[in-house]
Amino acid sequence: MEAFPHHYRVSAHLANPDADVVIEGDRLPQLPTAPPIEFGGPGDHWSPETLLTAAVCDCFVLGFKVIAAASKLTWSTLDVNVTGTLDRVDRKMRFTHMNVVAELTVPAGQETRAPRILEKAEEACLVMNSLSAEVHLETKVVVA
């Protein structure tokens, strides 16, 4: 890992007033975006709202992979669903809640360790740690 601070650059391009916004980052593919349905958008593009919610989900899963490997946890599948709640607070729109539901499948003998490793993944998630939204983690460990 490189020394801190890290810097991440993203740029946006708008070809005309009716076009999708296209975002891109260094060495990353372009991604067309549009407002979600709730803001009059088409609902078939990634939006700032879905991108932020996806960032919470992805960060949790990537953190879990690292922590599970370091903890030598044996597991077979992890399914994570995140619901972000956008609301108006003090006349400003902001995410107020992120509900993270994680279902982890482990072999017999790993089920007692698994919940703590999921909690560690939440604690280590830099995206969650950067938000003012309340985060709720709901876990389910399945023995297969």
N, C-alpha and C. Protein backbone atom coordinates (compact mmCIF):
# COMPACT_ATOMS: atom_id res chain seq x y z
N MET A 1 0.85 -1.18 0.00
CA MET A 1 0.00 0.00 0.00
C MET A 1 0.89 1.24 0.00
N GLU A 2 0.45 2.25 -0.71
CA GLU A 2 1.18 3.51 -0.78
C GLU A 2 0.93 4.33 0.48
N ALA A 3 1.84 5.23 0.77
CA ALA A 3 1.71 6.11 1.92
C ALA A 3 0.53 7.07 1.73
N PHE A 4 -0.08 7.49 2.82
CA PHE A 4 -1.18 8.46 2.78
C PHE A 4 -0.61 9.86 2.69
N PRO A 5 -1.32 10.83 2.18
CA PRO A 5 -2.69 10.72 1.67
C PRO A 5 -2.73 10.16 0.25
N HIS A 6 -3.85 9.55 -0.09
CA HIS A 6 -4.12 9.07 -1.45
C HIS A 6 -5.04 10.09 -2.11
N HIS A 7 -4.93 10.23 -3.40
CA HIS A 7 -5.78 11.16 -4.14
C HIS A 7 -6.44 10.42 -5.29
N TYR A 8 -7.72 10.66 -5.50
CA TYR A 8 -8.48 10.01 -6.57
C TYR A 8 -9.14 11.10 -7.40
N ARG A 9 -8.91 11.05 -8.70
CA ARG A 9 -9.47 12.07 -9.60
C ARG A 9 -10.54 11.44 -10.48
N VAL A 10 -11.63 12.15 -10.59
CA VAL A 10 -12.71 11.77 -11.48
C VAL A 10 -13.09 13.03 -12.25
N SER A 11 -13.39 12.87 -13.52
CA SER A 11 -13.84 14.01 -14.31
C SER A 11 -15.20 13.71 -14.91
N ALA A 12 -15.91 14.77 -15.26
CA ALA A 12 -17.23 14.64 -15.87
C ALA A 12 -17.25 15.45 -17.16
N HIS A 13 -17.98 14.94 -18.13
CA HIS A 13 -18.13 15.62 -19.41
C HIS A 13 -19.60 15.62 -19.80
N LEU A 14 -20.08 16.77 -20.21
CA LEU A 14 -21.45 16.91 -20.67
C LEU A 14 -21.40 17.48 -22.08
N ALA A 15 -21.77 16.67 -23.08
CA ALA A 15 -21.64 17.06 -24.48
C ALA A 15 -22.63 18.14 -24.89
N ASN A 16 -23.81 18.11 -24.29
CA ASN A 16 -24.84 19.13 -24.57
C ASN A 16 -25.89 19.04 -23.46
N PRO A 17 -26.80 19.99 -23.36
CA PRO A 17 -27.76 20.01 -22.25
C PRO A 17 -28.65 18.77 -22.15
N ASP A 18 -28.84 18.05 -23.26
CA ASP A 18 -29.71 16.88 -23.24
C ASP A 18 -28.96 15.56 -23.10
N ALA A 19 -27.65 15.60 -23.05
CA ALA A 19 -26.84 14.38 -23.03
C ALA A 19 -26.68 13.86 -21.60
N ASP A 20 -26.31 12.58 -21.53
CA ASP A 20 -25.93 12.01 -20.24
C ASP A 20 -24.63 12.65 -19.79
N VAL A 21 -24.45 12.72 -18.49
CA VAL A 21 -23.15 13.10 -17.94
C VAL A 21 -22.27 11.86 -18.06
N VAL A 22 -21.05 12.02 -18.50
CA VAL A 22 -20.12 10.90 -18.60
C VAL A 22 -18.99 11.15 -17.61
N ILE A 23 -18.81 10.20 -16.68
CA ILE A 23 -17.73 10.33 -15.71
C ILE A 23 -16.64 9.32 -16.05
N GLU A 24 -15.41 9.67 -15.68
CA GLU A 24 -14.30 8.75 -15.88
C GLU A 24 -13.21 9.09 -14.89
N GLY A 25 -12.39 8.09 -14.64
CA GLY A 25 -11.24 8.26 -13.76
C GLY A 25 -10.01 7.72 -14.44
N ASP A 26 -8.86 8.01 -13.85
CA ASP A 26 -7.60 7.52 -14.42
C ASP A 26 -7.67 6.02 -14.64
N ARG A 27 -7.39 5.58 -15.86
CA ARG A 27 -7.35 4.16 -16.25
C ARG A 27 -8.68 3.44 -16.01
N LEU A 28 -9.78 4.14 -15.97
CA LEU A 28 -11.10 3.54 -15.76
C LEU A 28 -11.98 3.78 -16.98
N PRO A 29 -12.93 2.88 -17.23
CA PRO A 29 -13.84 3.10 -18.36
C PRO A 29 -14.81 4.25 -18.08
N GLN A 30 -15.27 4.86 -19.14
CA GLN A 30 -16.27 5.90 -19.00
C GLN A 30 -17.57 5.30 -18.49
N LEU A 31 -18.32 6.09 -17.73
CA LEU A 31 -19.58 5.63 -17.16
C LEU A 31 -20.62 6.73 -17.36
N PRO A 32 -21.64 6.47 -18.21
CA PRO A 32 -22.70 7.47 -18.36
C PRO A 32 -23.59 7.46 -17.12
N THR A 33 -23.97 8.66 -16.68
CA THR A 33 -24.84 8.78 -15.51
C THR A 33 -26.02 9.69 -15.83
N ALA A 34 -27.06 9.58 -15.02
CA ALA A 34 -28.24 10.43 -15.18
C ALA A 34 -28.95 10.47 -13.83
N PRO A 35 -29.84 11.42 -13.67
CA PRO A 35 -30.60 11.45 -12.41
C PRO A 35 -31.46 10.20 -12.27
N PRO A 36 -31.75 9.80 -11.03
CA PRO A 36 -32.66 8.67 -10.82
C PRO A 36 -34.10 9.09 -11.12
N ILE A 37 -34.97 8.11 -11.18
CA ILE A 37 -36.39 8.38 -11.45
C ILE A 37 -36.96 9.41 -10.49
N GLU A 38 -36.54 9.32 -9.21
CA GLU A 38 -37.07 10.23 -8.18
C GLU A 38 -36.80 11.69 -8.49
N PHE A 39 -35.79 11.96 -9.32
CA PHE A 39 -35.47 13.33 -9.71
C PHE A 39 -35.76 13.58 -11.18
N GLY A 40 -36.64 12.79 -11.77
CA GLY A 40 -37.05 12.99 -13.14
C GLY A 40 -36.16 12.36 -14.18
N GLY A 41 -35.24 11.52 -13.75
CA GLY A 41 -34.33 10.86 -14.68
C GLY A 41 -34.95 9.60 -15.25
N PRO A 42 -34.23 8.94 -16.15
CA PRO A 42 -34.76 7.76 -16.82
C PRO A 42 -34.78 6.50 -15.94
N GLY A 43 -33.92 6.46 -14.92
CA GLY A 43 -33.89 5.29 -14.05
C GLY A 43 -33.09 4.12 -14.59
N ASP A 44 -32.43 4.29 -15.72
CA ASP A 44 -31.67 3.18 -16.31
C ASP A 44 -30.17 3.46 -16.38
N HIS A 45 -29.72 4.43 -15.59
CA HIS A 45 -28.31 4.80 -15.52
C HIS A 45 -27.89 4.84 -14.05
N TRP A 46 -26.60 4.71 -13.83
CA TRP A 46 -26.09 4.98 -12.49
C TRP A 46 -26.26 6.47 -12.23
N SER A 47 -26.55 6.81 -10.97
CA SER A 47 -26.73 8.19 -10.56
C SER A 47 -25.83 8.45 -9.35
N PRO A 48 -25.68 9.69 -8.94
CA PRO A 48 -24.90 9.93 -7.71
C PRO A 48 -25.44 9.14 -6.52
N GLU A 49 -26.75 9.01 -6.44
CA GLU A 49 -27.36 8.30 -5.33
C GLU A 49 -27.04 6.81 -5.37
N THR A 50 -27.14 6.19 -6.54
CA THR A 50 -26.84 4.77 -6.64
C THR A 50 -25.33 4.52 -6.56
N LEU A 51 -24.53 5.45 -7.07
CA LEU A 51 -23.08 5.29 -6.97
C LEU A 51 -22.60 5.34 -5.52
N LEU A 52 -23.17 6.24 -4.72
CA LEU A 52 -22.77 6.32 -3.32
C LEU A 52 -23.21 5.06 -2.57
N THR A 53 -24.40 4.60 -2.83
CA THR A 53 -24.89 3.37 -2.19
C THR A 53 -24.03 2.18 -2.63
N ALA A 54 -23.68 2.13 -3.90
CA ALA A 54 -22.81 1.07 -4.41
C ALA A 54 -21.42 1.14 -3.78
N ALA A 55 -20.93 2.35 -3.53
CA ALA A 55 -19.62 2.50 -2.90
C ALA A 55 -19.62 1.91 -1.49
N VAL A 56 -20.71 2.09 -0.75
CA VAL A 56 -20.83 1.49 0.57
C VAL A 56 -20.79 -0.03 0.45
N CYS A 57 -21.57 -0.57 -0.48
CA CYS A 57 -21.65 -2.02 -0.68
C CYS A 57 -20.29 -2.59 -1.09
N ASP A 58 -19.67 -1.99 -2.08
CA ASP A 58 -18.40 -2.48 -2.59
C ASP A 58 -17.30 -2.39 -1.53
N CYS A 59 -17.26 -1.29 -0.81
CA CYS A 59 -16.25 -1.11 0.23
C CYS A 59 -16.40 -2.16 1.32
N PHE A 60 -17.63 -2.44 1.72
CA PHE A 60 -17.88 -3.47 2.73
C PHE A 60 -17.38 -4.83 2.25
N VAL A 61 -17.72 -5.20 1.02
CA VAL A 61 -17.33 -6.51 0.48
C VAL A 61 -15.81 -6.61 0.32
N LEU A 62 -15.19 -5.58 -0.22
CA LEU A 62 -13.73 -5.62 -0.38
C LEU A 62 -13.03 -5.69 0.97
N GLY A 63 -13.53 -4.95 1.95
CA GLY A 63 -12.97 -5.01 3.29
C GLY A 63 -13.15 -6.38 3.92
N PHE A 64 -14.31 -6.98 3.72
CA PHE A 64 -14.56 -8.32 4.24
C PHE A 64 -13.55 -9.31 3.68
N LYS A 65 -13.30 -9.25 2.36
CA LYS A 65 -12.35 -10.18 1.74
C LYS A 65 -10.98 -10.11 2.41
N VAL A 66 -10.50 -8.91 2.66
CA VAL A 66 -9.18 -8.73 3.27
C VAL A 66 -9.18 -9.25 4.71
N ILE A 67 -10.20 -8.88 5.47
CA ILE A 67 -10.26 -9.27 6.89
C ILE A 67 -10.47 -10.77 7.02
N ALA A 68 -11.32 -11.35 6.18
CA ALA A 68 -11.55 -12.80 6.23
C ALA A 68 -10.27 -13.56 5.90
N ALA A 69 -9.52 -13.08 4.92
CA ALA A 69 -8.26 -13.74 4.55
C ALA A 69 -7.26 -13.64 5.70
N ALA A 70 -7.14 -12.45 6.29
CA ALA A 70 -6.20 -12.26 7.40
C ALA A 70 -6.59 -13.09 8.62
N SER A 71 -7.90 -13.30 8.78
CA SER A 71 -8.42 -14.08 9.92
C SER A 71 -8.49 -15.57 9.62
N LYS A 72 -8.15 -15.94 8.39
CA LYS A 72 -8.20 -17.34 7.95
C LYS A 72 -9.61 -17.93 8.12
N LEU A 73 -10.61 -17.11 7.81
CA LEU A 73 -12.00 -17.57 7.84
C LEU A 73 -12.28 -18.30 6.54
N THR A 74 -12.83 -19.50 6.66
CA THR A 74 -13.26 -20.25 5.48
C THR A 74 -14.71 -19.89 5.22
N TRP A 75 -15.00 -19.51 3.98
CA TRP A 75 -16.36 -19.14 3.61
C TRP A 75 -16.57 -19.46 2.14
N SER A 76 -17.84 -19.54 1.72
CA SER A 76 -18.09 -19.88 0.32
C SER A 76 -18.80 -18.76 -0.44
N THR A 77 -19.78 -18.08 0.17
CA THR A 77 -20.46 -16.99 -0.54
C THR A 77 -20.77 -15.85 0.43
N LEU A 78 -20.82 -14.67 -0.13
CA LEU A 78 -21.25 -13.48 0.61
C LEU A 78 -22.18 -12.69 -0.30
N ASP A 79 -23.38 -12.46 0.16
CA ASP A 79 -24.35 -11.64 -0.57
C ASP A 79 -24.65 -10.42 0.28
N VAL A 80 -24.46 -9.24 -0.31
CA VAL A 80 -24.67 -7.99 0.42
C VAL A 80 -25.63 -7.11 -0.35
N ASN A 81 -26.60 -6.57 0.35
CA ASN A 81 -27.54 -5.62 -0.22
C ASN A 81 -27.51 -4.37 0.66
N VAL A 82 -27.42 -3.21 0.03
CA VAL A 82 -27.40 -1.95 0.75
C VAL A 82 -28.54 -1.09 0.27
N THR A 83 -29.27 -0.52 1.21
CA THR A 83 -30.33 0.44 0.90
C THR A 83 -29.95 1.77 1.53
N GLY A 84 -29.80 2.78 0.68
CA GLY A 84 -29.50 4.12 1.17
C GLY A 84 -30.78 4.92 1.23
N THR A 85 -30.97 5.65 2.32
CA THR A 85 -32.16 6.50 2.49
C THR A 85 -31.76 7.95 2.35
N LEU A 86 -32.30 8.60 1.34
CA LEU A 86 -32.08 10.02 1.10
C LEU A 86 -33.26 10.78 1.66
N ASP A 87 -33.00 11.81 2.44
CA ASP A 87 -34.08 12.58 3.05
C ASP A 87 -33.66 14.04 3.09
N ARG A 88 -34.59 14.88 3.51
CA ARG A 88 -34.30 16.29 3.67
C ARG A 88 -34.13 16.56 5.16
N VAL A 89 -32.98 17.11 5.53
CA VAL A 89 -32.69 17.44 6.92
C VAL A 89 -32.22 18.89 6.96
N ASP A 90 -32.87 19.68 7.77
CA ASP A 90 -32.53 21.11 7.86
C ASP A 90 -32.46 21.76 6.48
N ARG A 91 -33.45 21.45 5.65
CA ARG A 91 -33.62 21.99 4.31
C ARG A 91 -32.53 21.59 3.33
N LYS A 92 -31.75 20.55 3.68
CA LYS A 92 -30.73 20.05 2.77
C LYS A 92 -30.97 18.56 2.54
N MET A 93 -30.77 18.11 1.31
CA MET A 93 -30.88 16.68 1.03
C MET A 93 -29.58 16.01 1.47
N ARG A 94 -29.74 14.86 2.13
CA ARG A 94 -28.57 14.07 2.50
C ARG A 94 -29.00 12.65 2.78
N PHE A 95 -28.04 11.74 2.71
CA PHE A 95 -28.32 10.36 3.10
C PHE A 95 -28.37 10.32 4.62
N THR A 96 -29.45 9.77 5.14
CA THR A 96 -29.61 9.70 6.59
C THR A 96 -29.33 8.30 7.13
N HIS A 97 -29.54 7.28 6.30
CA HIS A 97 -29.32 5.90 6.73
C HIS A 97 -28.74 5.07 5.59
N MET A 98 -27.91 4.13 5.96
CA MET A 98 -27.44 3.09 5.05
C MET A 98 -27.69 1.77 5.76
N ASN A 99 -28.57 0.98 5.21
CA ASN A 99 -28.89 -0.32 5.79
C ASN A 99 -28.15 -1.39 4.99
N VAL A 100 -27.25 -2.09 5.66
CA VAL A 100 -26.41 -3.11 5.03
C VAL A 100 -26.88 -4.47 5.51
N VAL A 101 -27.29 -5.32 4.58
CA VAL A 101 -27.73 -6.67 4.90
C VAL A 101 -26.72 -7.63 4.26
N ALA A 102 -26.05 -8.40 5.10
CA ALA A 102 -25.01 -9.31 4.62
C ALA A 102 -25.34 -10.74 5.00
N GLU A 103 -25.36 -11.63 4.02
CA GLU A 103 -25.57 -13.05 4.27
C GLU A 103 -24.32 -13.80 3.84
N LEU A 104 -23.70 -14.45 4.82
CA LEU A 104 -22.44 -15.14 4.62
C LEU A 104 -22.64 -16.63 4.82
N THR A 105 -22.14 -17.42 3.88
CA THR A 105 -22.21 -18.87 3.99
C THR A 105 -20.83 -19.40 4.35
N VAL A 106 -20.80 -20.17 5.44
CA VAL A 106 -19.55 -20.73 5.95
C VAL A 106 -19.72 -22.21 6.22
N PRO A 107 -18.63 -22.97 6.27
CA PRO A 107 -18.73 -24.38 6.65
C PRO A 107 -18.91 -24.50 8.16
N ALA A 108 -19.40 -25.64 8.59
CA ALA A 108 -19.58 -25.90 10.02
C ALA A 108 -18.25 -25.66 10.73
N GLY A 109 -18.33 -25.04 11.89
CA GLY A 109 -17.15 -24.74 12.68
C GLY A 109 -16.69 -23.30 12.54
N GLN A 110 -17.15 -22.60 11.50
CA GLN A 110 -16.75 -21.20 11.28
C GLN A 110 -17.84 -20.22 11.71
N GLU A 111 -19.02 -20.74 12.05
CA GLU A 111 -20.17 -19.86 12.28
C GLU A 111 -20.04 -18.96 13.50
N THR A 112 -19.23 -19.34 14.49
CA THR A 112 -19.10 -18.48 15.68
C THR A 112 -18.17 -17.30 15.41
N ARG A 113 -17.21 -17.46 14.52
CA ARG A 113 -16.26 -16.39 14.19
C ARG A 113 -16.80 -15.42 13.14
N ALA A 114 -17.67 -15.90 12.29
CA ALA A 114 -18.12 -15.14 11.13
C ALA A 114 -18.78 -13.80 11.48
N PRO A 115 -19.69 -13.73 12.46
CA PRO A 115 -20.33 -12.43 12.73
C PRO A 115 -19.34 -11.33 13.09
N ARG A 116 -18.32 -11.67 13.87
CA ARG A 116 -17.34 -10.66 14.27
C ARG A 116 -16.54 -10.17 13.06
N ILE A 117 -16.25 -11.05 12.13
CA ILE A 117 -15.50 -10.64 10.95
C ILE A 117 -16.35 -9.73 10.07
N LEU A 118 -17.64 -9.99 9.99
CA LEU A 118 -18.55 -9.09 9.27
C LEU A 118 -18.59 -7.72 9.96
N GLU A 119 -18.62 -7.71 11.28
CA GLU A 119 -18.61 -6.44 12.02
C GLU A 119 -17.31 -5.67 11.77
N LYS A 120 -16.20 -6.39 11.73
CA LYS A 120 -14.91 -5.74 11.45
C LYS A 120 -14.91 -5.12 10.06
N ALA A 121 -15.55 -5.79 9.10
CA ALA A 121 -15.63 -5.23 7.75
C ALA A 121 -16.40 -3.92 7.76
N GLU A 122 -17.45 -3.85 8.55
CA GLU A 122 -18.20 -2.59 8.68
C GLU A 122 -17.32 -1.52 9.31
N GLU A 123 -16.63 -1.86 10.37
CA GLU A 123 -15.79 -0.90 11.09
C GLU A 123 -14.65 -0.38 10.21
N ALA A 124 -14.16 -1.21 9.29
CA ALA A 124 -13.02 -0.84 8.46
C ALA A 124 -13.42 -0.12 7.17
N CYS A 125 -14.69 -0.07 6.86
CA CYS A 125 -15.14 0.50 5.58
C CYS A 125 -14.93 2.01 5.55
N LEU A 126 -13.98 2.45 4.75
CA LEU A 126 -13.66 3.87 4.69
C LEU A 126 -14.82 4.70 4.16
N VAL A 127 -15.64 4.15 3.29
CA VAL A 127 -16.78 4.90 2.77
C VAL A 127 -17.80 5.11 3.88
N MET A 128 -18.14 4.07 4.62
CA MET A 128 -19.07 4.22 5.75
C MET A 128 -18.52 5.20 6.77
N ASN A 129 -17.22 5.11 7.04
CA ASN A 129 -16.59 5.98 8.02
C ASN A 129 -16.58 7.44 7.56
N SER A 130 -16.75 7.68 6.28
CA SER A 130 -16.72 9.04 5.73
C SER A 130 -18.10 9.69 5.67
N LEU A 131 -19.13 8.93 5.94
CA LEU A 131 -20.50 9.44 5.84
C LEU A 131 -21.04 9.89 7.18
N SER A 132 -21.94 10.86 7.14
CA SER A 132 -22.65 11.24 8.36
C SER A 132 -23.92 10.42 8.54
N ALA A 133 -24.28 9.64 7.55
CA ALA A 133 -25.48 8.79 7.63
C ALA A 133 -25.29 7.70 8.68
N GLU A 134 -26.37 7.36 9.34
CA GLU A 134 -26.36 6.24 10.29
C GLU A 134 -26.27 4.94 9.50
N VAL A 135 -25.41 4.04 9.94
CA VAL A 135 -25.24 2.76 9.25
C VAL A 135 -25.75 1.66 10.17
N HIS A 136 -26.56 0.79 9.60
CA HIS A 136 -27.07 -0.36 10.34
C HIS A 136 -26.65 -1.63 9.59
N LEU A 137 -25.97 -2.53 10.30
CA LEU A 137 -25.53 -3.79 9.71
C LEU A 137 -26.41 -4.92 10.25
N GLU A 138 -26.98 -5.66 9.33
CA GLU A 138 -27.78 -6.85 9.66
C GLU A 138 -27.07 -8.04 9.05
N THR A 139 -26.71 -9.01 9.87
CA THR A 139 -25.97 -10.16 9.35
C THR A 139 -26.75 -11.44 9.53
N LYS A 140 -26.48 -12.36 8.62
CA LYS A 140 -27.02 -13.71 8.70
C LYS A 140 -25.90 -14.64 8.28
N VAL A 141 -25.59 -15.59 9.13
CA VAL A 141 -24.57 -16.57 8.82
C VAL A 141 -25.26 -17.90 8.56
N VAL A 142 -25.00 -18.46 7.40
CA VAL A 142 -25.60 -19.72 6.98
C VAL A 142 -24.49 -20.79 7.00
N VAL A 143 -24.79 -21.92 7.61
CA VAL A 143 -23.83 -23.02 7.62
C VAL A 143 -24.18 -23.97 6.50
N ALA A 144 -23.20 -24.24 5.65
CA ALA A 144 -23.46 -25.14 4.52
C ALA A 144 -22.55 -26.34 4.61
